[in-house]
Every structure is written in C-alpha cells, then in structure tokens.
Amino acid sequence: MEKLIINGGNKINGTVRVSGSKNAVLPILAATLLIPDTCYIYNVPALRDVYTMLELLKYYGADVEAGECLKINCSNIQNRPPSAMVRDIRASFLIVGALLGRFGRVSMFMPGGCKIGQRPVDLHLKGFGALGASQSLEGGIIDISGKYLNGREIYLDFPSVGATENIMLASVTAKGRTIISNCAAEPEIIDLANFLNKAGAKITGAGSDTIVVEGAPALSGVSHSIIPDRIEAGTFMLAAAAAGGECRIENIMIDHIRPVMSKLREMEVDIKEEENALTVYADGIVVNTDIKTLPYPGFPTDMQAQFTALMAKGLGTGIVNETVFENRFMYVGELIKMGANITVEGKLAVVRGVEGLAGAEVNATDLRAGAALIISALAAEGKTEIGNIHYIDRGYEEIEKKLSALGCKIKRVKCP
C-alpha cells in the first residue's frame, strides 16, 4: 500500500503533457479481440486499468508486446471461462461484446470498478438480445449465446457509454444493419469507431445520438493512436486554478474540454487557447458557480468531484447537481476533514467557500475523488496525506511526477 504526501501552498508553474485517454484505450483494447491480426496502438497510458485489461487479453490468448507502441495479436485467442480479473475494472465487460462478435458465445462475471453508484448492464444485455443473443444468469455468471447475430434497431433508454460501445463491438460483424438510437456521443465513442473503421468496419454517426453499423465480413490489423485524456487535462486545469500560477497543458483536443473551460471562465479563471494546448493563468482565487452533470456534450460527471474541491475554497456558494451517478459524493466527508463547508442532500451538494483549507489525513473513495483530494491538498495549508491511491493510479499516469515537475511538493511513499 502507498499514499501521497502533499505540502500545499505552492503555485503551479510549467508545462505538462496529457497522456492518452483511459476511457478511449480500454474499449479499443477490448476491440482487438475481434481482429484476427496484429494491431499497433500508440499513446497508451501506463495505468492500472490498462495493465488489467492487457492481462485479460493475454488470458484469452492474445500475444501482447508492450513498449512505446503496444503490439497486440489476437489471431489465436480462445473463448475461455470467465476470469476473476473482470471484477477489478468496469471496462472488462466490454470484452463481452467483442467475444460475442468473434465466437458467438461468451460467459462473464459481473464487472467491478469504482463504487460510485448503480451501473447495471441491463442496457448492454438489451442490445445483445436485440441482435439475437439468448442470455442466462447462474452463480453470478452471465452466459450469452448468439451464433448468428442480425442487425436491428436498438433504442437505449439512457445514453450509456458502455452500452453504446458494447453494442458497437457485438454488431460490427453481425449480418445486416444495426441502428443504435439515443446512444452516447462522447469523444471516446468516436475514437472506438475510428479504430474499428480502420480495421474494416462500417460505422457512421459516431459522435451523434444515432450510430449505424453495417455488418462487415472480416476485420484486419490496424495502426492507431489513442486520443488525449480530456479528464486528465481538466484535472490539471483545476489544479492550476486551485493552487494558482501559470500552467501550460499540451496534447489536448480543445473541443473535448469546452464544458470545463466554460465553467472555469465563469469562475474568473483566465485561459488562453492554442490549437492543441492551452495555458491557465490563476491567482488561486475563484468565484463559485453552479454545476449540473450531463451526458456529453454536457458537463462531465468525471469532473464533478474536482470542481467541488476547487469551489471548497472559492468565493460564495455553488450548487453541484449530480444527475448521472447517485453515489458520487462519497468523497465529501474527506474534504470536510480539510475544512470544507459542503452539505449533501440526495443528488445535490451545496458548497460554501471557506477562507482556507488545512492539510489532513484523507482517503480516496474512487478514482475522481482521489483527484479531487489532490486539488484540495495543493490549495491547502500544511501537509495532506492521501490514502487508497490505487484508485488514482487507475486513471492518472504518474500524476505525482507530473505535478512535481510543475513545482508542487508531492511524493509517493510506502505505507508503514
């Protein structure tokens, strides 16, 4: 076990480069199972979730060579019984769509991941069923069988990212046309569609609320670079806003982070845009605003905790309305230990800015909560110790090294 020790009160200055997107690379890694050939994937972040997914690919027989370029060959994979590793990360369930499309049958445990609320797989199963797959559940294992999948029109009751991706994977090699309506429009969906189209799939509409998949007879190996991580970019923007200073953030796609930029500007943070970079100029003082999380292109739920942490020391009162996940305020108690004045009632959090925060011993309750604690610690006076940082390692590549390079006093230590 490890923890992060942060001595706050130091301004951020310098340049940081954003890594590849966690939420884009995981479905693309699952998609390689559909391709009986070699894929070359670039800009892959070194994250716990990525390592877990690669181990899952190896479990099914994939040949994986890591390095600057990730080389994956799935020519000789086998449809094996489910592995307990799928309980470690939510994205493991994306393997179901890929294996169903490749073999016509798959067995899988329910997925794991951060406990930020109920995230049932009913929409995934609804999509598989519409394609013609039968399903049964016994002993915590879902068995799905659909030797001959046929394209259908599928309406999602909620624009679930995971369900959209899984149905795309299962329908890529199905017979005929699949139309996914009310689907997710996140940039990571577009990246998955681009990867699959390079391999020979016929997918249109990614990035809109309707995706059309024309079944392709076969897929072949491709070379692909993962898009930058918009959540990591937003986290560094908020870290600079909280601590103050001047931070240039490189390797970003501006359009992907406009909701975050808009809210920061509402909070009177100065941001200069460039083509693939931006610079945040901040004095460590922000004016609180209201936030409501929504599916893309609305404000991302994955940035909610970080903004709440930023507002904890802001001027005035802000209201945070979490509409996506019901348990995403579990971290608030940890911020209160640092002196924050936050009241939670159901899906609403009222954040009353305080004059200052103080370092404390706190624990990450999930991935984005861990990032929120880092932001508060950078703005606080004194030393903060953050435990349960395995959550943070699931989504941020060497965050302590990147922040240290920006002048932050942060180090990773072994727990006694």
Protein backbone atom coordinates (compact mmCIF):
# COMPACT_ATOMS: atom_id res chain seq x y z
CA MET A 1 0.00 0.00 0.00
CA GLU A 2 1.15 3.52 -0.84
CA LYS A 3 0.00 7.06 -0.13
CA LEU A 4 0.62 10.55 -1.46
CA ILE A 5 2.04 13.25 0.78
CA ILE A 6 1.37 16.80 -0.39
CA ASN A 7 2.59 20.04 1.15
CA GLY A 8 0.21 22.71 -0.10
CA GLY A 9 0.55 26.41 -0.70
CA ASN A 10 2.92 26.22 -3.69
CA LYS A 11 1.99 27.78 -7.01
CA ILE A 12 2.00 25.70 -10.18
CA ASN A 13 4.34 26.79 -12.96
CA GLY A 14 5.48 24.97 -16.09
CA THR A 15 4.27 22.68 -18.84
CA VAL A 16 2.58 19.29 -18.59
CA ARG A 17 1.73 16.84 -21.37
CA VAL A 18 -1.55 14.95 -21.18
CA SER A 19 -1.47 11.16 -21.61
CA GLY A 20 -3.69 9.02 -23.79
CA SER A 21 -7.31 8.65 -22.74
CA LYS A 22 -8.14 5.92 -20.23
CA ASN A 23 -11.76 5.84 -21.36
CA ALA A 24 -10.75 5.54 -25.02
CA VAL A 25 -7.98 2.95 -24.77
CA LEU A 26 -9.94 0.38 -22.73
CA PRO A 27 -12.74 -0.23 -25.30
CA ILE A 28 -10.16 -0.21 -28.09
CA LEU A 29 -8.14 -2.89 -26.29
CA ALA A 30 -11.34 -4.94 -25.99
CA ALA A 31 -11.97 -4.38 -29.71
CA THR A 32 -8.68 -6.03 -30.66
CA LEU A 33 -10.31 -9.36 -29.69
CA LEU A 34 -12.45 -9.01 -32.83
CA ILE A 35 -9.41 -8.79 -35.10
CA PRO A 36 -7.53 -11.98 -36.04
CA ASP A 37 -4.45 -9.96 -36.91
CA THR A 38 -1.86 -7.59 -35.38
CA CYS A 39 -2.80 -4.13 -34.12
CA TYR A 40 -0.31 -1.35 -33.29
CA ILE A 41 -1.61 1.11 -30.71
CA TYR A 42 0.17 4.35 -29.76
CA ASN A 43 -0.26 6.91 -26.96
CA VAL A 44 -1.32 4.21 -24.50
CA PRO A 45 -1.28 5.46 -20.88
CA ALA A 46 0.53 3.43 -18.22
CA LEU A 47 -2.44 2.86 -15.89
CA ARG A 48 -3.59 0.09 -13.56
CA ASP A 49 -6.76 -0.40 -15.61
CA VAL A 50 -4.75 -0.73 -18.81
CA TYR A 51 -2.49 -3.36 -17.24
CA THR A 52 -5.56 -5.28 -16.04
CA MET A 53 -7.14 -5.20 -19.49
CA LEU A 54 -3.90 -6.39 -21.10
CA GLU A 55 -3.75 -9.29 -18.65
CA LEU A 56 -7.31 -10.17 -19.65
CA LEU A 57 -6.34 -10.16 -23.31
CA LYS A 58 -3.44 -12.48 -22.51
CA TYR A 59 -5.82 -14.74 -20.58
CA TYR A 60 -7.80 -15.24 -23.77
CA GLY A 61 -4.64 -15.99 -25.71
CA ALA A 62 -3.62 -12.64 -27.15
CA ASP A 63 0.07 -12.02 -27.85
CA VAL A 64 0.95 -8.65 -26.25
CA GLU A 65 4.21 -6.74 -26.64
CA ALA A 66 4.48 -3.54 -24.61
CA GLY A 67 6.70 -0.57 -25.41
CA GLU A 68 6.39 2.86 -26.99
CA CYS A 69 3.97 1.12 -29.33
CA LEU A 70 1.62 -1.52 -27.92
CA LYS A 71 1.55 -4.52 -30.26
CA ILE A 72 -1.39 -6.92 -29.90
CA ASN A 73 -2.06 -10.03 -31.98
CA CYS A 74 -5.37 -11.84 -31.43
CA SER A 75 -5.01 -14.45 -34.16
CA ASN A 76 -5.08 -17.38 -31.76
CA ILE A 77 -7.41 -16.34 -28.95
CA GLN A 78 -9.73 -18.86 -27.30
CA ASN A 79 -13.15 -18.37 -25.73
CA ARG A 80 -12.34 -19.38 -22.16
CA PRO A 81 -14.37 -19.41 -18.93
CA PRO A 82 -14.54 -16.00 -17.22
CA SER A 83 -11.57 -14.74 -15.23
CA ALA A 84 -11.87 -13.16 -11.77
CA MET A 85 -9.84 -10.22 -13.14
CA VAL A 86 -13.03 -8.79 -14.67
CA ARG A 87 -14.12 -7.82 -11.16
CA ASP A 88 -11.29 -5.29 -10.96
CA ILE A 89 -12.49 -2.81 -13.61
CA ARG A 90 -15.80 -1.81 -15.09
CA ALA A 91 -14.46 -1.76 -18.67
CA SER A 92 -13.84 -5.51 -18.52
CA PHE A 93 -17.48 -6.03 -19.52
CA LEU A 94 -16.65 -4.64 -22.97
CA ILE A 95 -14.93 -7.94 -23.63
CA VAL A 96 -18.41 -9.47 -23.81
CA GLY A 97 -19.38 -7.60 -26.98
CA ALA A 98 -16.06 -8.39 -28.64
CA LEU A 99 -16.07 -12.10 -27.77
CA LEU A 100 -19.74 -12.42 -28.72
CA GLY A 101 -18.95 -10.94 -32.11
CA ARG A 102 -15.89 -13.17 -32.54
CA PHE A 103 -17.20 -16.50 -31.22
CA GLY A 104 -20.98 -16.19 -30.96
CA ARG A 105 -20.89 -17.10 -27.28
CA VAL A 106 -19.35 -15.75 -24.08
CA SER A 107 -19.52 -16.21 -20.30
CA MET A 108 -18.61 -13.36 -17.93
CA PHE A 109 -18.70 -12.31 -14.28
CA MET A 110 -20.35 -9.01 -13.42
CA PRO A 111 -17.79 -6.19 -13.79
CA GLY A 112 -16.06 -4.28 -11.00
CA GLY A 113 -14.66 -0.76 -10.76
CA CYS A 114 -15.31 2.29 -8.59
CA LYS A 115 -18.41 2.13 -6.36
CA ILE A 116 -19.89 5.46 -7.47
CA GLY A 117 -23.44 4.19 -7.89
CA GLN A 118 -25.52 1.55 -9.55
CA ARG A 119 -24.25 0.89 -13.05
CA PRO A 120 -26.30 -2.07 -14.23
CA VAL A 121 -25.58 -3.82 -17.51
CA ASP A 122 -29.23 -4.14 -18.47
CA LEU A 123 -28.81 -1.85 -21.49
CA HIS A 124 -25.85 -3.93 -22.68
CA LEU A 125 -27.94 -7.10 -22.39
CA LYS A 126 -30.91 -5.43 -24.08
CA GLY A 127 -28.70 -4.67 -27.06
CA PHE A 128 -27.29 -8.20 -27.25
CA GLY A 129 -30.80 -9.60 -27.04
CA ALA A 130 -32.00 -7.38 -29.86
CA LEU A 131 -29.16 -8.71 -32.01
CA GLY A 132 -30.48 -12.23 -31.40
CA ALA A 133 -28.41 -13.44 -28.45
CA SER A 134 -30.00 -15.52 -25.69
CA GLN A 135 -28.95 -14.94 -22.08
CA SER A 136 -28.91 -16.78 -18.78
CA LEU A 137 -27.57 -15.96 -15.32
CA GLU A 138 -26.38 -18.58 -12.84
CA GLY A 139 -23.99 -18.31 -9.94
CA GLY A 140 -23.08 -14.72 -10.74
CA ILE A 141 -22.02 -15.63 -14.29
CA ILE A 142 -23.83 -14.28 -17.34
CA ASP A 143 -23.88 -16.67 -20.29
CA ILE A 144 -24.69 -15.08 -23.65
CA SER A 145 -25.12 -17.09 -26.84
CA GLY A 146 -25.77 -15.75 -30.32
CA LYS A 147 -24.10 -17.73 -33.07
CA TYR A 148 -25.94 -15.83 -35.78
CA LEU A 149 -26.29 -12.16 -34.85
CA ASN A 150 -28.50 -9.98 -37.02
CA GLY A 151 -28.61 -6.20 -37.19
CA ARG A 152 -31.58 -4.49 -35.58
CA GLU A 153 -32.72 -1.05 -34.48
CA ILE A 154 -31.87 -0.61 -30.78
CA TYR A 155 -33.07 2.28 -28.64
CA LEU A 156 -31.15 2.98 -25.42
CA ASP A 157 -33.27 4.28 -22.54
CA PHE A 158 -30.21 6.25 -21.39
CA PRO A 159 -27.18 7.26 -23.50
CA SER A 160 -24.86 4.84 -21.72
CA VAL A 161 -21.26 4.98 -22.91
CA GLY A 162 -20.52 1.36 -22.03
CA ALA A 163 -23.71 0.01 -23.61
CA THR A 164 -23.09 2.02 -26.79
CA GLU A 165 -19.54 0.63 -27.05
CA ASN A 166 -20.55 -2.95 -26.28
CA ILE A 167 -23.36 -2.97 -28.84
CA MET A 168 -20.99 -1.49 -31.42
CA LEU A 169 -18.50 -4.28 -30.77
CA ALA A 170 -21.10 -7.03 -30.99
CA SER A 171 -22.70 -5.64 -34.16
CA VAL A 172 -19.56 -4.93 -36.19
CA THR A 173 -19.54 -8.44 -37.71
CA ALA A 174 -23.30 -9.10 -37.40
CA LYS A 175 -25.37 -9.66 -40.52
CA GLY A 176 -27.13 -6.58 -41.83
CA ARG A 177 -27.58 -3.10 -40.40
CA THR A 178 -27.67 -2.13 -36.72
CA ILE A 179 -29.03 1.27 -35.71
CA ILE A 180 -28.29 2.43 -32.15
CA SER A 181 -30.56 5.34 -31.19
CA ASN A 182 -30.22 7.66 -28.18
CA CYS A 183 -26.64 6.47 -27.89
CA ALA A 184 -23.70 8.13 -26.17
CA ALA A 185 -21.80 10.79 -28.12
CA GLU A 186 -18.57 11.03 -26.09
CA PRO A 187 -15.25 11.57 -27.93
CA GLU A 188 -14.17 8.10 -26.76
CA ILE A 189 -17.05 6.62 -28.81
CA ILE A 190 -15.68 8.37 -31.89
CA ASP A 191 -12.18 7.04 -31.21
CA LEU A 192 -13.52 3.47 -30.96
CA ALA A 193 -15.45 3.89 -34.22
CA ASN A 194 -12.35 5.28 -35.95
CA PHE A 195 -10.28 2.33 -34.77
CA LEU A 196 -12.86 -0.21 -35.94
CA ASN A 197 -13.36 1.54 -39.28
CA LYS A 198 -9.62 1.38 -39.93
CA ALA A 199 -9.91 -2.37 -39.36
CA GLY A 200 -12.65 -2.69 -41.98
CA ALA A 201 -15.84 -1.97 -40.02
CA LYS A 202 -18.58 0.20 -41.49
CA ILE A 203 -19.69 2.58 -38.74
CA THR A 204 -21.25 6.01 -39.29
CA GLY A 205 -22.76 8.56 -36.95
CA ALA A 206 -20.32 8.22 -34.05
CA GLY A 207 -20.45 11.44 -32.04
CA SER A 208 -24.18 11.89 -32.70
CA ASP A 209 -27.19 10.34 -30.97
CA THR A 210 -27.60 7.72 -33.70
CA ILE A 211 -24.91 5.26 -34.80
CA VAL A 212 -25.33 2.99 -37.82
CA VAL A 213 -23.26 -0.19 -38.13
CA GLU A 214 -23.23 -2.15 -41.37
CA GLY A 215 -22.03 -5.68 -40.71
CA ALA A 216 -18.56 -6.40 -42.09
CA PRO A 217 -17.47 -9.93 -43.04
CA ALA A 218 -13.95 -9.62 -41.62
CA LEU A 219 -11.58 -7.23 -39.85
CA SER A 220 -7.83 -6.77 -40.28
CA GLY A 221 -4.98 -5.30 -38.24
CA VAL A 222 -4.51 -1.53 -37.91
CA SER A 223 -2.26 1.18 -36.50
CA HIS A 224 -3.98 3.70 -34.25
CA SER A 225 -3.10 6.46 -31.77
CA ILE A 226 -5.32 6.99 -28.71
CA ILE A 227 -6.86 10.45 -28.26
CA PRO A 228 -5.67 12.63 -25.33
CA ASP A 229 -7.40 12.22 -21.98
CA ARG A 230 -9.86 15.10 -21.57
CA ILE A 231 -10.41 14.30 -17.86
CA GLU A 232 -6.71 14.40 -17.08
CA ALA A 233 -6.48 17.70 -18.97
CA GLY A 234 -9.37 19.10 -16.94
CA THR A 235 -7.82 17.90 -13.69
CA PHE A 236 -4.58 19.77 -14.38
CA MET A 237 -6.57 22.88 -15.30
CA LEU A 238 -8.34 22.77 -11.94
CA ALA A 239 -5.12 22.04 -10.07
CA ALA A 240 -3.66 25.24 -11.51
CA ALA A 241 -6.83 27.18 -10.72
CA ALA A 242 -6.77 25.97 -7.10
CA ALA A 243 -3.06 26.44 -6.40
CA GLY A 244 -2.53 29.49 -8.60
CA GLY A 245 0.25 30.04 -11.08
CA GLU A 246 0.75 29.58 -14.81
CA CYS A 247 0.32 26.11 -16.31
CA ARG A 248 0.60 25.20 -19.99
CA ILE A 249 -1.20 21.93 -20.83
CA GLU A 250 -0.17 20.19 -24.05
CA ASN A 251 -1.52 17.31 -26.15
CA ILE A 252 -5.19 18.15 -25.78
CA MET A 253 -8.21 18.44 -28.06
CA ILE A 254 -9.80 21.77 -27.23
CA ASP A 255 -13.31 20.80 -28.34
CA HIS A 256 -13.32 17.87 -25.90
CA ILE A 257 -12.83 20.10 -22.85
CA ARG A 258 -15.02 23.11 -23.68
CA PRO A 259 -17.52 22.41 -20.86
CA VAL A 260 -14.64 22.51 -18.35
CA MET A 261 -13.18 25.65 -19.90
CA SER A 262 -16.57 27.40 -19.88
CA LYS A 263 -17.11 26.72 -16.17
CA LEU A 264 -13.60 27.83 -15.25
CA ARG A 265 -14.13 31.08 -17.13
CA GLU A 266 -17.40 31.56 -15.23
CA MET A 267 -15.25 31.23 -12.10
CA GLU A 268 -13.00 34.04 -13.41
CA VAL A 269 -10.04 31.86 -14.35
CA ASP A 270 -8.03 33.15 -17.33
CA ILE A 271 -7.42 30.57 -20.09
CA LYS A 272 -5.50 31.10 -23.32
CA GLU A 273 -6.32 28.63 -26.10
CA GLU A 274 -4.00 27.30 -28.79
CA GLU A 275 -4.51 24.59 -31.40
CA ASN A 276 -3.52 21.59 -29.28
CA ALA A 277 -2.68 23.27 -25.99
CA LEU A 278 -3.86 25.87 -23.52
CA THR A 279 -2.44 27.88 -20.65
CA VAL A 280 -4.19 28.54 -17.34
CA TYR A 281 -3.34 31.78 -15.53
CA ALA A 282 -4.65 31.82 -11.96
CA ASP A 283 -4.15 33.57 -8.63
CA GLY A 284 -5.70 30.74 -6.57
CA ILE A 285 -8.97 32.64 -6.08
CA VAL A 286 -12.14 31.55 -7.89
CA VAL A 287 -15.76 32.68 -7.78
CA ASN A 288 -18.09 29.76 -7.19
CA THR A 289 -20.73 28.76 -9.73
CA ASP A 290 -23.36 26.07 -10.24
CA ILE A 291 -22.71 22.75 -11.98
CA LYS A 292 -25.03 20.10 -13.38
CA THR A 293 -23.54 16.90 -14.74
CA LEU A 294 -24.98 15.58 -18.00
CA PRO A 295 -24.02 13.15 -20.78
CA TYR A 296 -21.63 14.60 -23.37
CA PRO A 297 -21.54 17.35 -24.60
CA GLY A 298 -22.84 18.42 -21.18
CA PHE A 299 -20.65 18.85 -18.12
CA PRO A 300 -18.81 15.55 -17.44
CA THR A 301 -19.58 13.62 -14.27
CA ASP A 302 -15.91 12.62 -14.21
CA MET A 303 -15.02 16.28 -13.44
CA GLN A 304 -17.65 16.84 -10.76
CA ALA A 305 -15.52 15.93 -7.74
CA GLN A 306 -12.60 18.07 -8.92
CA PHE A 307 -14.83 21.13 -9.34
CA THR A 308 -16.37 20.60 -5.92
CA ALA A 309 -12.86 20.53 -4.46
CA LEU A 310 -11.96 23.73 -6.31
CA MET A 311 -15.08 25.50 -5.05
CA ALA A 312 -14.37 24.45 -1.45
CA LYS A 313 -12.02 27.46 -1.18
CA GLY A 314 -13.89 29.66 -3.65
CA LEU A 315 -15.80 32.87 -3.09
CA GLY A 316 -19.51 32.49 -2.44
CA THR A 317 -21.76 29.45 -2.77
CA GLY A 318 -22.08 26.93 -5.58
CA ILE A 319 -24.56 24.13 -6.10
CA VAL A 320 -23.49 20.84 -7.69
CA ASN A 321 -26.24 18.71 -9.23
CA GLU A 322 -25.07 15.13 -9.96
CA THR A 323 -27.55 13.57 -12.41
CA VAL A 324 -25.51 10.59 -13.63
CA PHE A 325 -24.29 8.58 -10.61
CA GLU A 326 -26.12 8.61 -7.28
CA ASN A 327 -23.13 7.80 -5.03
CA ARG A 328 -20.63 10.28 -6.40
CA PHE A 329 -20.47 12.45 -3.28
CA MET A 330 -18.81 9.85 -1.05
CA TYR A 331 -15.62 11.94 -1.03
CA VAL A 332 -17.28 14.99 0.55
CA GLY A 333 -16.59 13.75 4.08
CA GLU A 334 -12.88 13.71 3.25
CA LEU A 335 -12.98 17.33 2.04
CA ILE A 336 -14.79 18.30 5.25
CA LYS A 337 -11.81 16.90 7.20
CA MET A 338 -9.75 19.58 5.44
CA GLY A 339 -12.16 22.33 6.50
CA ALA A 340 -14.58 22.41 3.56
CA ASN A 341 -18.16 23.53 4.17
CA ILE A 342 -20.26 21.22 1.98
CA THR A 343 -23.76 19.93 2.56
CA VAL A 344 -25.10 16.98 0.57
CA GLU A 345 -28.76 16.16 0.13
CA GLY A 346 -29.55 13.45 -2.40
CA LYS A 347 -28.09 14.42 -5.76
CA LEU A 348 -27.29 17.99 -4.69
CA ALA A 349 -24.22 19.35 -2.93
CA VAL A 350 -24.14 22.92 -1.62
CA VAL A 351 -20.57 24.22 -1.50
CA ARG A 352 -19.99 27.28 0.67
CA GLY A 353 -16.49 28.54 0.06
CA VAL A 354 -14.22 28.91 3.06
CA GLU A 355 -11.26 31.23 3.54
CA GLY A 356 -8.74 28.42 3.73
CA LEU A 357 -8.28 24.65 3.85
CA ALA A 358 -5.90 22.75 6.12
CA GLY A 359 -3.96 19.60 5.40
CA ALA A 360 -5.30 16.36 6.88
CA GLU A 361 -5.17 12.58 6.59
CA VAL A 362 -7.76 11.58 3.99
CA ASN A 363 -8.59 8.62 1.75
CA ALA A 364 -9.67 8.41 -1.88
CA THR A 365 -13.09 6.79 -2.22
CA ASP A 366 -12.89 6.37 -6.00
CA LEU A 367 -10.78 7.48 -8.96
CA ARG A 368 -12.06 11.04 -9.46
CA ALA A 369 -12.47 11.56 -5.71
CA GLY A 370 -8.73 10.92 -5.43
CA ALA A 371 -8.06 13.65 -7.98
CA ALA A 372 -10.32 16.00 -6.02
CA LEU A 373 -8.32 15.39 -2.84
CA ILE A 374 -5.10 16.20 -4.69
CA ILE A 375 -6.58 19.50 -5.87
CA SER A 376 -7.68 20.44 -2.35
CA ALA A 377 -4.32 19.41 -0.92
CA LEU A 378 -2.47 21.65 -3.38
CA ALA A 379 -4.58 24.61 -2.26
CA ALA A 380 -4.46 23.80 1.48
CA GLU A 381 -2.02 24.99 4.12
CA GLY A 382 0.19 22.28 5.59
CA LYS A 383 0.59 18.59 4.88
CA THR A 384 -2.06 16.28 3.45
CA GLU A 385 -1.72 12.50 3.34
CA ILE A 386 -3.93 10.73 0.81
CA GLY A 387 -4.53 7.00 1.19
CA ASN A 388 -6.19 4.47 -1.13
CA ILE A 389 -4.24 5.92 -4.05
CA HIS A 390 -4.70 2.71 -6.03
CA TYR A 391 -7.90 4.42 -7.19
CA ILE A 392 -5.88 7.36 -8.52
CA ASP A 393 -3.47 5.03 -10.33
CA ARG A 394 -6.42 3.60 -12.25
CA GLY A 395 -6.80 6.82 -14.23
CA TYR A 396 -3.75 9.09 -13.86
CA GLU A 397 -0.33 8.21 -15.21
CA GLU A 398 2.46 9.13 -12.76
CA ILE A 399 0.49 12.12 -11.53
CA GLU A 400 2.92 12.83 -8.69
CA LYS A 401 5.83 13.09 -11.16
CA LYS A 402 3.88 15.43 -13.45
CA LEU A 403 2.85 17.66 -10.56
CA SER A 404 6.38 17.65 -9.10
CA ALA A 405 7.68 18.91 -12.45
CA LEU A 406 5.22 21.82 -12.10
CA GLY A 407 6.67 22.82 -8.73
CA CYS A 408 4.24 21.01 -6.43
CA LYS A 409 5.52 19.43 -3.24
CA ILE A 410 4.17 15.91 -3.68
CA LYS A 411 5.69 12.49 -3.17
CA ARG A 412 4.60 8.85 -3.13
CA VAL A 413 5.60 6.81 -0.08
CA LYS A 414 5.05 3.31 1.19
CA CYS A 415 2.54 2.95 3.98
CA PRO A 416 4.10 1.64 7.21
